Structures are given as C-alpha cells and as structure tokens.
C-alpha atoms as a PDB file:
ATOM      1  CA  UNK A   1      95.349  74.086 127.868  1.00  0.00           C
ATOM      2  CA  UNK A   2      94.853  73.643 124.334  1.00  0.00           C
ATOM      3  CA  UNK A   3      97.936  72.830 122.182  1.00  0.00           C
ATOM      4  CA  UNK A   4      96.532  74.094 118.732  1.00  0.00           C
ATOM      5  CA  UNK A   5      94.167  77.291 118.643  1.00  0.00           C
ATOM      6  CA  UNK A   6      91.850  76.899 115.345  1.00  0.00           C
ATOM      7  CA  UNK A   7      90.569  80.548 114.694  1.00  0.00           C
ATOM      8  CA  UNK A   8      88.979  82.238 111.222  1.00  0.00           C
ATOM      9  CA  UNK A   9      91.693  84.106 109.746  1.00  0.00           C
ATOM     10  CA  UNK A  10      90.160  87.332 107.609  1.00  0.00           C
ATOM     11  CA  UNK A  11      93.917  88.233 106.343  1.00  0.00           C
ATOM     12  CA  UNK A  12      97.456  87.707 106.374  1.00  0.00           C
ATOM     13  CA  UNK A  13      99.925  90.551 106.579  1.00  0.00           C
ATOM     14  CA  UNK A  14      97.701  93.473 105.509  1.00  0.00           C
ATOM     15  CA  UNK A  15      96.165  91.427 102.648  1.00  0.00           C
ATOM     16  CA  UNK A  16      92.960  90.648 103.761  1.00  0.00           C
ATOM     17  CA  UNK A  17      90.928  87.566 102.143  1.00  0.00           C
ATOM     18  CA  UNK A  18      88.332  88.378  99.083  1.00  0.00           C
ATOM     19  CA  UNK A  19      86.479  85.498 100.259  1.00  0.00           C
ATOM     20  CA  UNK A  20      85.164  83.960 103.518  1.00  0.00           C
ATOM     21  CA  UNK A  21      87.641  83.503 106.159  1.00  0.00           C
ATOM     22  CA  UNK A  22      89.792  80.627 106.249  1.00  0.00           C
ATOM     23  CA  UNK A  23      90.151  78.368 109.400  1.00  0.00           C
ATOM     24  CA  UNK A  24      93.832  78.346 110.716  1.00  0.00           C
ATOM     25  CA  UNK A  25      95.489  76.056 113.533  1.00  0.00           C
ATOM     26  CA  UNK A  26      98.144  77.941 115.744  1.00  0.00           C
ATOM     27  CA  UNK A  27     100.344  76.215 118.102  1.00  0.00           C
ATOM     28  CA  UNK A  28      99.760  78.103 121.373  1.00  0.00           C
ATOM     29  CA  UNK A  29     103.274  77.946 123.257  1.00  0.00           C
ATOM     30  CA  UNK A  30     105.053  79.470 120.032  1.00  0.00           C
ATOM     31  CA  UNK A  31     102.330  82.370 118.942  1.00  0.00           C
ATOM     32  CA  UNK A  32     102.035  86.026 119.962  1.00  0.00           C
ATOM     33  CA  UNK A  33      98.912  87.700 120.276  1.00  0.00           C
ATOM     34  CA  UNK A  34      98.922  91.493 119.600  1.00  0.00           C
ATOM     35  CA  UNK A  35      96.076  94.063 119.390  1.00  0.00           C
ATOM     36  CA  UNK A  36      94.607  95.761 116.156  1.00  0.00           C
ATOM     37  CA  UNK A  37      92.676  99.337 116.638  1.00  0.00           C
ATOM     38  CA  UNK A  38      89.555  97.450 114.881  1.00  0.00           C
ATOM     39  CA  UNK A  39      90.580  97.441 111.341  1.00  0.00           C
ATOM     40  CA  UNK A  40      87.404  96.823 108.938  1.00  0.00           C
ATOM     41  CA  UNK A  41      88.025  94.132 105.936  1.00  0.00           C
ATOM     42  CA  UNK A  42      86.643  95.950 102.727  1.00  0.00           C
ATOM     43  CA  UNK A  43      84.806  92.703 101.485  1.00  0.00           C
ATOM     44  CA  UNK A  44      82.614  91.824 104.344  1.00  0.00           C
ATOM     45  CA  UNK A  45      83.031  95.010 106.755  1.00  0.00           C
ATOM     46  CA  UNK A  46      83.708  92.648 109.591  1.00  0.00           C
ATOM     47  CA  UNK A  47      85.806  94.425 112.520  1.00  0.00           C
ATOM     48  CA  UNK A  48      89.052  92.678 113.374  1.00  0.00           C
ATOM     49  CA  UNK A  49      90.674  93.114 116.975  1.00  0.00           C
ATOM     50  CA  UNK A  50      93.830  90.726 117.173  1.00  0.00           C
ATOM     51  CA  UNK A  51      96.570  89.420 115.420  1.00  0.00           C
ATOM     52  CA  UNK A  52      98.180  86.184 115.640  1.00  0.00           C
ATOM     53  CA  UNK A  53     101.737  85.965 115.040  1.00  0.00           C
ATOM     54  CA  UNK A  54     103.509  82.293 115.189  1.00  0.00           C
ATOM     55  CA  UNK A  55     107.156  82.932 116.401  1.00  0.00           C
ATOM     56  CA  UNK A  56     109.919  81.650 114.040  1.00  0.00           C
ATOM     57  CA  UNK A  57     110.904  77.912 114.820  1.00  0.00           C
ATOM     58  CA  UNK A  58     113.238  75.395 113.078  1.00  0.00           C
ATOM     59  CA  UNK A  59     113.798  76.438 109.693  1.00  0.00           C
ATOM     60  CA  UNK A  60     110.845  78.911 109.381  1.00  0.00           C
ATOM     61  CA  UNK A  61     112.148  82.331 110.080  1.00  0.00           C
ATOM     62  CA  UNK A  62     109.218  84.069 108.888  1.00  0.00           C
ATOM     63  CA  UNK A  63     106.694  85.838 111.222  1.00  0.00           C
ATOM     64  CA  UNK A  64     103.435  86.142 109.196  1.00  0.00           C
ATOM     65  CA  UNK A  65     100.527  88.020 111.101  1.00  0.00           C
ATOM     66  CA  UNK A  66      96.868  86.447 110.687  1.00  0.00           C
ATOM     67  CA  UNK A  67      94.039  88.792 111.430  1.00  0.00           C
ATOM     68  CA  UNK A  68      91.207  87.593 113.724  1.00  0.00           C
ATOM     69  CA  UNK A  69      88.360  89.092 115.531  1.00  0.00           C
ATOM     70  CA  UNK A  70      89.031  87.964 118.832  1.00  0.00           C
ATOM     71  CA  UNK A  71      90.566  90.569 121.011  1.00  0.00           C
ATOM     72  CA  UNK A  72      94.126  89.709 122.769  1.00  0.00           C
ATOM     73  CA  UNK A  73      92.139  89.144 125.771  1.00  0.00           C
ATOM     74  CA  UNK A  74      89.680  86.805 123.930  1.00  0.00           C
ATOM     75  CA  UNK A  75      92.921  84.981 122.671  1.00  0.00           C
ATOM     76  CA  UNK A  76      94.550  84.496 125.600  1.00  0.00           C
ATOM     77  CA  UNK A  77      91.267  82.845 127.539  1.00  0.00           C
ATOM     78  CA  UNK A  78      91.178  80.491 124.424  1.00  0.00           C
ATOM     79  CA  UNK A  79      94.565  79.616 124.850  1.00  0.00           C
ATOM     80  CA  UNK A  80      94.214  78.729 128.525  1.00  0.00           C
END
C-alpha cells in the first residue's frame, strides 16, 4: 500500500489550471476520493472523472478539492 499517492492535478476548487497539469502528492489514509461527471477542462479539453479531497488534520481546517483524470475505482486501486 502506498503512503503517498502522486497524481497529475488539473484544477483546485473549480479553478482549472491554464497551463499543464501539476503533480501533487496526497496522503492515502487521510484523503477522500469522489466521483465527478466527466468535467472537461476549457484549456486542454481533458475529461476529469475524480476529485481527491484531503481531510482536515492538525491545524489544517480546509478541504480543497483536486481534480484528476482517474475515476474513483482507479484511485482506490492506485492507493492500494
């Protein structure tokens, strides 16, 4: 089982990146995987199917949503 899940992120909190996707690492045990209905990015036309949402820990009380191309099933497989 991976401790950190490394993914290409296309946007955060409904704000899509205008450039190439950025690589982010997420803690597997404190992240929620949610499904998206095939959102399409305006800049690249890439279809996004999943959201990774790190759960609040310690002093971090925010829950940003990171948009990725993987589905929830694929994220679960990658997470182990």
